[in-house]
Amino acid sequence: MADKTNKFEENIAGKYYVDKECIACDACVMAAPDHFGMDEDDGHAFVTKQPQNDEEHEACVEALESCPVEAIGDDGDTETENSN
């Protein structure tokens, strides 16, 4: 299970995030390319855009469920945090 205290700084603030358990498998980027990106230098994914509607939310849920190491978190908090 993802840990919001261990998330990458690149994550855009909001409900979804990727933590440091990420193995750069690219599953989230394939499932939701408009919302997840890959840091090629450090080898990990991060959230590039939080969902704005139901369709985008479904894509992020698909990405979360496709993560083999459960590195994608959904903290249920949609308010902005200091994680830009």
Protein backbone atom coordinates (compact mmCIF):
# COMPACT_ATOMS: atom_id res chain seq x y z
CA MET A 1 0.00 0.00 0.00
CA ALA A 2 1.32 3.43 -0.96
CA ASP A 3 2.52 5.76 1.78
CA LYS A 4 1.83 9.47 1.34
CA THR A 5 4.69 10.32 3.68
CA ASN A 6 7.04 8.60 1.21
CA LYS A 7 5.79 10.13 -2.06
CA PHE A 8 7.95 11.69 -4.74
CA GLU A 9 8.21 15.48 -4.76
CA GLU A 10 7.35 15.59 -8.49
CA ASN A 11 3.74 14.53 -7.81
CA ILE A 12 1.21 17.24 -8.52
CA ALA A 13 -0.67 18.03 -5.31
CA GLY A 14 -3.97 16.25 -4.84
CA LYS A 15 -5.67 12.94 -4.28
CA TYR A 16 -3.35 10.63 -6.25
CA TYR A 17 0.40 10.21 -5.79
CA VAL A 18 3.25 7.78 -6.45
CA ASP A 19 5.52 6.79 -3.59
CA LYS A 20 9.13 5.63 -3.49
CA GLU A 21 8.20 1.95 -3.88
CA CYS A 22 7.76 2.58 -7.63
CA ILE A 23 9.77 0.21 -9.86
CA ALA A 24 9.27 2.24 -13.07
CA CYS A 25 7.27 -0.54 -14.76
CA ASP A 26 5.32 2.06 -16.81
CA ALA A 27 1.92 0.43 -16.11
CA CYS A 28 0.42 3.66 -14.77
CA VAL A 29 1.70 5.69 -17.70
CA MET A 30 0.13 3.21 -20.11
CA ALA A 31 -3.18 3.17 -18.20
CA ALA A 32 -3.45 6.95 -17.72
CA PRO A 33 -0.87 8.76 -19.88
CA ASP A 34 -2.50 12.15 -19.31
CA HIS A 35 -2.05 11.79 -15.54
CA PHE A 36 1.20 9.90 -14.98
CA GLY A 37 4.70 10.55 -16.24
CA MET A 38 8.07 8.89 -15.87
CA ASP A 39 11.23 10.45 -14.46
CA GLU A 40 13.65 8.77 -16.85
CA ASP A 41 16.74 9.97 -14.96
CA ASP A 42 15.71 8.61 -11.56
CA GLY A 43 13.51 5.75 -12.81
CA HIS A 44 10.12 6.33 -11.22
CA ALA A 45 6.63 7.47 -12.10
CA PHE A 46 4.79 10.47 -10.69
CA VAL A 47 1.42 12.19 -11.03
CA THR A 48 1.49 14.93 -13.65
CA LYS A 49 -2.19 15.90 -13.50
CA GLN A 50 -4.98 15.18 -11.03
CA PRO A 51 -8.30 14.00 -12.52
CA GLN A 52 -10.89 16.67 -13.24
CA ASN A 53 -13.89 14.51 -14.21
CA ASP A 54 -15.29 10.99 -13.90
CA GLU A 55 -13.52 9.69 -17.02
CA GLU A 56 -10.14 10.94 -15.81
CA HIS A 57 -10.82 9.57 -12.33
CA GLU A 58 -11.54 6.14 -13.84
CA ALA A 59 -8.22 6.27 -15.72
CA CYS A 60 -6.38 7.03 -12.47
CA VAL A 61 -8.16 4.18 -10.68
CA GLU A 62 -7.13 1.85 -13.51
CA ALA A 63 -3.53 3.03 -13.10
CA LEU A 64 -3.67 2.50 -9.34
CA GLU A 65 -5.07 -1.00 -9.76
CA SER A 66 -2.49 -1.91 -12.41
CA CYS A 67 0.51 -1.05 -10.21
CA PRO A 68 2.28 -4.32 -9.35
CA VAL A 69 3.94 -2.91 -6.21
CA GLU A 70 1.04 -0.74 -4.96
CA ALA A 71 3.13 2.44 -5.24
CA ILE A 72 0.15 4.58 -6.31
CA GLY A 73 -1.86 6.08 -3.51
CA ASP A 74 -5.29 7.62 -3.21
CA ASP A 75 -5.41 9.54 0.05
CA GLY A 76 -8.94 10.73 -0.63
CA ASP A 77 -7.81 14.32 -0.06
CA THR A 78 -8.56 16.53 -3.03
CA GLU A 79 -7.21 19.68 -1.39
CA THR A 80 -3.87 21.07 -2.43
CA GLU A 81 -0.81 19.97 -0.48
CA ASN A 82 2.78 21.15 -0.63
CA SER A 83 3.98 18.46 -3.02
CA ASN A 84 4.55 20.37 -6.24
